[in-house]
Amino acid sequence: MENNFVQKAFAVKNKNLNTRIESSSGGVFSLCADYILNNGGAVYGADFDNNMQLLHKRATKPEDISR
């Protein structure tokens, strides 16, 4: 059986070192989120409250995202 599958990998990182250091995604989420929000979209993420309960959050403006 012939396998025509070509395996690909992509790597992306934010050029801003401080953003990369503070991020768990290499700073990519903030880049994508800024683009989406600045074009009228919404992004979703997870956060913890003071009692370490998981919260799901929706942001529709850049200032709604915790940095």
PDB file of N, CA and C in Angstrom:
ATOM      1  N   MET A   1       0.847  -1.181   0.000  1.00  0.00           N
ATOM      2  CA  MET A   1       0.000   0.000   0.000  1.00  0.00           C
ATOM      3  C   MET A   1       0.893   1.245   0.000  1.00  0.00           C
ATOM      4  N   GLU A   2       0.666   2.126  -0.925  1.00  0.00           N
ATOM      5  CA  GLU A   2       1.471   3.337  -1.038  1.00  0.00           C
ATOM      6  C   GLU A   2       0.937   4.413  -0.099  1.00  0.00           C
ATOM      7  N   ASN A   3       1.835   5.087   0.608  1.00  0.00           N
ATOM      8  CA  ASN A   3       1.446   6.154   1.530  1.00  0.00           C
ATOM      9  C   ASN A   3       1.832   7.489   0.907  1.00  0.00           C
ATOM     10  N   ASN A   4       0.840   8.293   0.547  1.00  0.00           N
ATOM     11  CA  ASN A   4       1.095   9.600  -0.048  1.00  0.00           C
ATOM     12  C   ASN A   4       1.043  10.732   0.965  1.00  0.00           C
ATOM     13  N   PHE A   5       0.974  10.381   2.223  1.00  0.00           N
ATOM     14  CA  PHE A   5       0.891  11.381   3.285  1.00  0.00           C
ATOM     15  C   PHE A   5       2.232  12.084   3.445  1.00  0.00           C
ATOM     16  N   VAL A   6       2.194  13.403   3.447  1.00  0.00           N
ATOM     17  CA  VAL A   6       3.387  14.204   3.684  1.00  0.00           C
ATOM     18  C   VAL A   6       3.232  14.873   5.043  1.00  0.00           C
ATOM     19  N   GLN A   7       4.114  14.549   5.952  1.00  0.00           N
ATOM     20  CA  GLN A   7       4.041  15.121   7.291  1.00  0.00           C
ATOM     21  C   GLN A   7       4.637  16.513   7.279  1.00  0.00           C
ATOM     22  N   LYS A   8       3.905  17.465   7.885  1.00  0.00           N
ATOM     23  CA  LYS A   8       4.363  18.841   7.960  1.00  0.00           C
ATOM     24  C   LYS A   8       4.331  19.311   9.401  1.00  0.00           C
ATOM     25  N   ALA A   9       5.190  20.239   9.719  1.00  0.00           N
ATOM     26  CA  ALA A   9       5.190  20.863  11.043  1.00  0.00           C
ATOM     27  C   ALA A   9       5.399  22.357  10.854  1.00  0.00           C
ATOM     28  N   PHE A  10       4.759  23.126  11.699  1.00  0.00           N
ATOM     29  CA  PHE A  10       4.892  24.573  11.646  1.00  0.00           C
ATOM     30  C   PHE A  10       5.255  25.075  13.032  1.00  0.00           C
ATOM     31  N   ALA A  11       6.106  26.063  13.091  1.00  0.00           N
ATOM     32  CA  ALA A  11       6.477  26.687  14.358  1.00  0.00           C
ATOM     33  C   ALA A  11       6.308  28.191  14.202  1.00  0.00           C
ATOM     34  N   VAL A  12       5.731  28.802  15.229  1.00  0.00           N
ATOM     35  CA  VAL A  12       5.488  30.240  15.212  1.00  0.00           C
ATOM     36  C   VAL A  12       5.822  30.794  16.584  1.00  0.00           C
ATOM     37  N   LYS A  13       6.374  32.002  16.617  1.00  0.00           N
ATOM     38  CA  LYS A  13       6.595  32.665  17.898  1.00  0.00           C
ATOM     39  C   LYS A  13       6.442  34.163  17.709  1.00  0.00           C
ATOM     40  N   ASN A  14       6.047  34.818  18.765  1.00  0.00           N
ATOM     41  CA  ASN A  14       5.921  36.268  18.778  1.00  0.00           C
ATOM     42  C   ASN A  14       7.323  36.873  18.786  1.00  0.00           C
ATOM     43  N   LYS A  15       7.540  37.926  18.028  1.00  0.00           N
ATOM     44  CA  LYS A  15       8.845  38.585  18.006  1.00  0.00           C
ATOM     45  C   LYS A  15       9.161  39.316  19.309  1.00  0.00           C
ATOM     46  N   ASN A  16       8.120  39.628  20.097  1.00  0.00           N
ATOM     47  CA  ASN A  16       8.301  40.364  21.349  1.00  0.00           C
ATOM     48  C   ASN A  16       8.734  39.387  22.448  1.00  0.00           C
ATOM     49  N   LEU A  17       9.955  39.511  22.925  1.00  0.00           N
ATOM     50  CA  LEU A  17      10.510  38.601  23.928  1.00  0.00           C
ATOM     51  C   LEU A  17       9.687  38.597  25.206  1.00  0.00           C
ATOM     52  N   ASN A  18       9.277  39.765  25.706  1.00  0.00           N
ATOM     53  CA  ASN A  18       8.501  39.815  26.947  1.00  0.00           C
ATOM     54  C   ASN A  18       7.185  39.065  26.812  1.00  0.00           C
ATOM     55  N   THR A  19       6.533  39.199  25.665  1.00  0.00           N
ATOM     56  CA  THR A  19       5.281  38.473  25.435  1.00  0.00           C
ATOM     57  C   THR A  19       5.535  36.973  25.423  1.00  0.00           C
ATOM     58  N   ARG A  20       6.616  36.550  24.772  1.00  0.00           N
ATOM     59  CA  ARG A  20       6.939  35.115  24.731  1.00  0.00           C
ATOM     60  C   ARG A  20       7.207  34.570  26.127  1.00  0.00           C
ATOM     61  N   ILE A  21       7.930  35.327  26.937  1.00  0.00           N
ATOM     62  CA  ILE A  21       8.282  34.870  28.282  1.00  0.00           C
ATOM     63  C   ILE A  21       7.026  34.687  29.133  1.00  0.00           C
ATOM     64  N   GLU A  22       6.060  35.592  28.976  1.00  0.00           N
ATOM     65  CA  GLU A  22       4.852  35.550  29.798  1.00  0.00           C
ATOM     66  C   GLU A  22       3.761  34.645  29.223  1.00  0.00           C
ATOM     67  N   SER A  23       4.022  34.013  28.117  1.00  0.00           N
ATOM     68  CA  SER A  23       3.003  33.249  27.419  1.00  0.00           C
ATOM     69  C   SER A  23       3.274  31.750  27.472  1.00  0.00           C
ATOM     70  N   SER A  24       2.185  30.977  27.395  1.00  0.00           N
ATOM     71  CA  SER A  24       2.341  29.528  27.296  1.00  0.00           C
ATOM     72  C   SER A  24       2.232  29.061  25.856  1.00  0.00           C
ATOM     73  N   SER A  25       1.976  29.995  24.931  1.00  0.00           N
ATOM     74  CA  SER A  25       1.793  29.625  23.524  1.00  0.00           C
ATOM     75  C   SER A  25       2.879  30.208  22.634  1.00  0.00           C
ATOM     76  N   GLY A  26       3.941  30.690  23.225  1.00  0.00           N
ATOM     77  CA  GLY A  26       4.962  31.369  22.433  1.00  0.00           C
ATOM     78  C   GLY A  26       4.534  32.760  22.021  1.00  0.00           C
ATOM     79  N   GLY A  27       3.468  33.254  22.645  1.00  0.00           N
ATOM     80  CA  GLY A  27       2.960  34.582  22.335  1.00  0.00           C
ATOM     81  C   GLY A  27       2.093  34.627  21.092  1.00  0.00           C
ATOM     82  N   VAL A  28       1.770  33.466  20.547  1.00  0.00           N
ATOM     83  CA  VAL A  28       0.995  33.414  19.310  1.00  0.00           C
ATOM     84  C   VAL A  28      -0.471  33.743  19.559  1.00  0.00           C
ATOM     85  N   PHE A  29      -1.024  33.303  20.687  1.00  0.00           N
ATOM     86  CA  PHE A  29      -2.433  33.594  20.950  1.00  0.00           C
ATOM     87  C   PHE A  29      -2.695  35.096  20.927  1.00  0.00           C
ATOM     88  N   SER A  30      -1.824  35.874  21.553  1.00  0.00           N
ATOM     89  CA  SER A  30      -2.070  37.316  21.605  1.00  0.00           C
ATOM     90  C   SER A  30      -2.012  37.941  20.211  1.00  0.00           C
ATOM     91  N   LEU A  31      -1.130  37.458  19.357  1.00  0.00           N
ATOM     92  CA  LEU A  31      -1.074  37.970  17.988  1.00  0.00           C
ATOM     93  C   LEU A  31      -2.363  37.645  17.232  1.00  0.00           C
ATOM     94  N   CYS A  32      -2.797  36.405  17.337  1.00  0.00           N
ATOM     95  CA  CYS A  32      -4.030  35.982  16.656  1.00  0.00           C
ATOM     96  C   CYS A  32      -5.233  36.705  17.237  1.00  0.00           C
ATOM     97  N   ALA A  33      -5.285  36.793  18.564  1.00  0.00           N
ATOM     98  CA  ALA A  33      -6.413  37.449  19.216  1.00  0.00           C
ATOM     99  C   ALA A  33      -6.496  38.920  18.827  1.00  0.00           C
ATOM    100  N   ASP A  34      -5.385  39.616  18.805  1.00  0.00           N
ATOM    101  CA  ASP A  34      -5.392  41.030  18.411  1.00  0.00           C
ATOM    102  C   ASP A  34      -5.939  41.189  16.997  1.00  0.00           C
ATOM    103  N   TYR A  35      -5.511  40.338  16.097  1.00  0.00           N
ATOM    104  CA  TYR A  35      -5.988  40.413  14.721  1.00  0.00           C
ATOM    105  C   TYR A  35      -7.500  40.176  14.656  1.00  0.00           C
ATOM    106  N   ILE A  36      -7.967  39.140  15.324  1.00  0.00           N
ATOM    107  CA  ILE A  36      -9.391  38.794  15.307  1.00  0.00           C
ATOM    108  C   ILE A  36     -10.227  39.902  15.933  1.00  0.00           C
ATOM    109  N   LEU A  37      -9.805  40.396  17.083  1.00  0.00           N
ATOM    110  CA  LEU A  37     -10.570  41.431  17.785  1.00  0.00           C
ATOM    111  C   LEU A  37     -10.581  42.741  17.009  1.00  0.00           C
ATOM    112  N   ASN A  38      -9.469  43.088  16.402  1.00  0.00           N
ATOM    113  CA  ASN A  38      -9.403  44.330  15.633  1.00  0.00           C
ATOM    114  C   ASN A  38     -10.183  44.255  14.329  1.00  0.00           C
ATOM    115  N   ASN A  39     -10.664  43.068  13.990  1.00  0.00           N
ATOM    116  CA  ASN A  39     -11.473  42.880  12.793  1.00  0.00           C
ATOM    117  C   ASN A  39     -12.900  42.472  13.139  1.00  0.00           C
ATOM    118  N   GLY A  40     -13.342  42.818  14.359  1.00  0.00           N
ATOM    119  CA  GLY A  40     -14.729  42.621  14.755  1.00  0.00           C
ATOM    120  C   GLY A  40     -15.103  41.249  15.269  1.00  0.00           C
ATOM    121  N   GLY A  41     -14.133  40.394  15.506  1.00  0.00           N
ATOM    122  CA  GLY A  41     -14.422  39.044  15.979  1.00  0.00           C
ATOM    123  C   GLY A  41     -14.392  38.928  17.492  1.00  0.00           C
ATOM    124  N   ALA A  42     -14.493  37.701  17.962  1.00  0.00           N
ATOM    125  CA  ALA A  42     -14.419  37.394  19.391  1.00  0.00           C
ATOM    126  C   ALA A  42     -13.467  36.222  19.573  1.00  0.00           C
ATOM    127  N   VAL A  43     -12.792  36.193  20.703  1.00  0.00           N
ATOM    128  CA  VAL A  43     -11.916  35.081  21.053  1.00  0.00           C
ATOM    129  C   VAL A  43     -12.330  34.544  22.415  1.00  0.00           C
ATOM    130  N   TYR A  44     -11.971  33.306  22.669  1.00  0.00           N
ATOM    131  CA  TYR A  44     -12.338  32.642  23.905  1.00  0.00           C
ATOM    132  C   TYR A  44     -11.090  32.057  24.554  1.00  0.00           C
ATOM    133  N   GLY A  45     -11.109  32.027  25.865  1.00  0.00           N
ATOM    134  CA  GLY A  45      -9.973  31.478  26.591  1.00  0.00           C
ATOM    135  C   GLY A  45     -10.395  30.976  27.944  1.00  0.00           C
ATOM    136  N   ALA A  46      -9.456  30.366  28.624  1.00  0.00           N
ATOM    137  CA  ALA A  46      -9.701  29.834  29.962  1.00  0.00           C
ATOM    138  C   ALA A  46      -8.838  30.593  30.957  1.00  0.00           C
ATOM    139  N   ASP A  47      -9.374  30.776  32.159  1.00  0.00           N
ATOM    140  CA  ASP A  47      -8.668  31.492  33.220  1.00  0.00           C
ATOM    141  C   ASP A  47      -9.099  30.871  34.542  1.00  0.00           C
ATOM    142  N   PHE A  48      -8.420  31.209  35.601  1.00  0.00           N
ATOM    143  CA  PHE A  48      -8.790  30.744  36.932  1.00  0.00           C
ATOM    144  C   PHE A  48      -9.167  31.943  37.787  1.00  0.00           C
ATOM    145  N   ASP A  49     -10.179  31.760  38.643  1.00  0.00           N
ATOM    146  CA  ASP A  49     -10.530  32.813  39.584  1.00  0.00           C
ATOM    147  C   ASP A  49      -9.656  32.680  40.828  1.00  0.00           C
ATOM    148  N   ASN A  50      -9.930  33.488  41.853  1.00  0.00           N
ATOM    149  CA  ASN A  50      -9.117  33.463  43.083  1.00  0.00           C
ATOM    150  C   ASN A  50      -9.215  32.144  43.840  1.00  0.00           C
ATOM    151  N   ASN A  51     -10.265  31.361  43.575  1.00  0.00           N
ATOM    152  CA  ASN A  51     -10.432  30.057  44.221  1.00  0.00           C
ATOM    153  C   ASN A  51      -9.957  28.911  43.333  1.00  0.00           C
ATOM    154  N   MET A  52      -9.227  29.257  42.285  1.00  0.00           N
ATOM    155  CA  MET A  52      -8.695  28.276  41.324  1.00  0.00           C
ATOM    156  C   MET A  52      -9.795  27.483  40.614  1.00  0.00           C
ATOM    157  N   GLN A  53     -10.946  28.127  40.442  1.00  0.00           N
ATOM    158  CA  GLN A  53     -12.020  27.535  39.655  1.00  0.00           C
ATOM    159  C   GLN A  53     -11.839  27.981  38.202  1.00  0.00           C
ATOM    160  N   LEU A  54     -11.999  27.033  37.300  1.00  0.00           N
ATOM    161  CA  LEU A  54     -11.820  27.322  35.891  1.00  0.00           C
ATOM    162  C   LEU A  54     -12.954  28.184  35.363  1.00  0.00           C
ATOM    163  N   LEU A  55     -12.596  29.232  34.642  1.00  0.00           N
ATOM    164  CA  LEU A  55     -13.561  30.119  34.012  1.00  0.00           C
ATOM    165  C   LEU A  55     -13.303  30.125  32.514  1.00  0.00           C
ATOM    166  N   HIS A  56     -14.363  30.115  31.736  1.00  0.00           N
ATOM    167  CA  HIS A  56     -14.242  30.289  30.293  1.00  0.00           C
ATOM    168  C   HIS A  56     -14.673  31.710  29.985  1.00  0.00           C
ATOM    169  N   LYS A  57     -13.837  32.437  29.262  1.00  0.00           N
ATOM    170  CA  LYS A  57     -14.090  33.849  29.025  1.00  0.00           C
ATOM    171  C   LYS A  57     -14.164  34.160  27.540  1.00  0.00           C
ATOM    172  N   ARG A  58     -14.983  35.164  27.223  1.00  0.00           N
ATOM    173  CA  ARG A  58     -15.137  35.664  25.867  1.00  0.00           C
ATOM    174  C   ARG A  58     -14.633  37.097  25.846  1.00  0.00           C
ATOM    175  N   ALA A  59     -13.862  37.441  24.830  1.00  0.00           N
ATOM    176  CA  ALA A  59     -13.371  38.806  24.680  1.00  0.00           C
ATOM    177  C   ALA A  59     -13.779  39.333  23.308  1.00  0.00           C
ATOM    178  N   THR A  60     -14.245  40.572  23.301  1.00  0.00           N
ATOM    179  CA  THR A  60     -14.617  41.205  22.042  1.00  0.00           C
ATOM    180  C   THR A  60     -13.811  42.481  21.787  1.00  0.00           C
ATOM    181  N   LYS A  61     -12.948  42.859  22.746  1.00  0.00           N
ATOM    182  CA  LYS A  61     -12.057  44.000  22.568  1.00  0.00           C
ATOM    183  C   LYS A  61     -10.701  43.633  23.169  1.00  0.00           C
ATOM    184  N   PRO A  62      -9.633  44.187  22.618  1.00  0.00           N
ATOM    185  CA  PRO A  62      -8.289  43.833  23.104  1.00  0.00           C
ATOM    186  C   PRO A  62      -8.103  44.024  24.609  1.00  0.00           C
ATOM    187  N   GLU A  63      -8.736  45.052  25.172  1.00  0.00           N
ATOM    188  CA  GLU A  63      -8.562  45.293  26.621  1.00  0.00           C
ATOM    189  C   GLU A  63      -9.269  44.246  27.486  1.00  0.00           C
ATOM    190  N   ASP A  64     -10.090  43.389  26.895  1.00  0.00           N
ATOM    191  CA  ASP A  64     -10.754  42.321  27.643  1.00  0.00           C
ATOM    192  C   ASP A  64      -9.847  41.121  27.888  1.00  0.00           C
ATOM    193  N   ILE A  65      -8.703  41.104  27.213  1.00  0.00           N
ATOM    194  CA  ILE A  65      -7.785  39.966  27.345  1.00  0.00           C
ATOM    195  C   ILE A  65      -6.772  40.246  28.443  1.00  0.00           C
ATOM    196  N   SER A  66      -6.638  39.315  29.358  1.00  0.00           N
ATOM    197  CA  SER A  66      -5.600  39.435  30.390  1.00  0.00           C
ATOM    198  C   SER A  66      -4.254  39.190  29.730  1.00  0.00           C
ATOM    199  N   ARG A  67      -3.322  40.047  29.971  1.00  0.00           N
ATOM    200  CA  ARG A  67      -1.994  39.897  29.351  1.00  0.00           C
ATOM    201  C   ARG A  67      -1.008  39.379  30.348  1.00  0.00           C
TER     202      ARG A  67
END
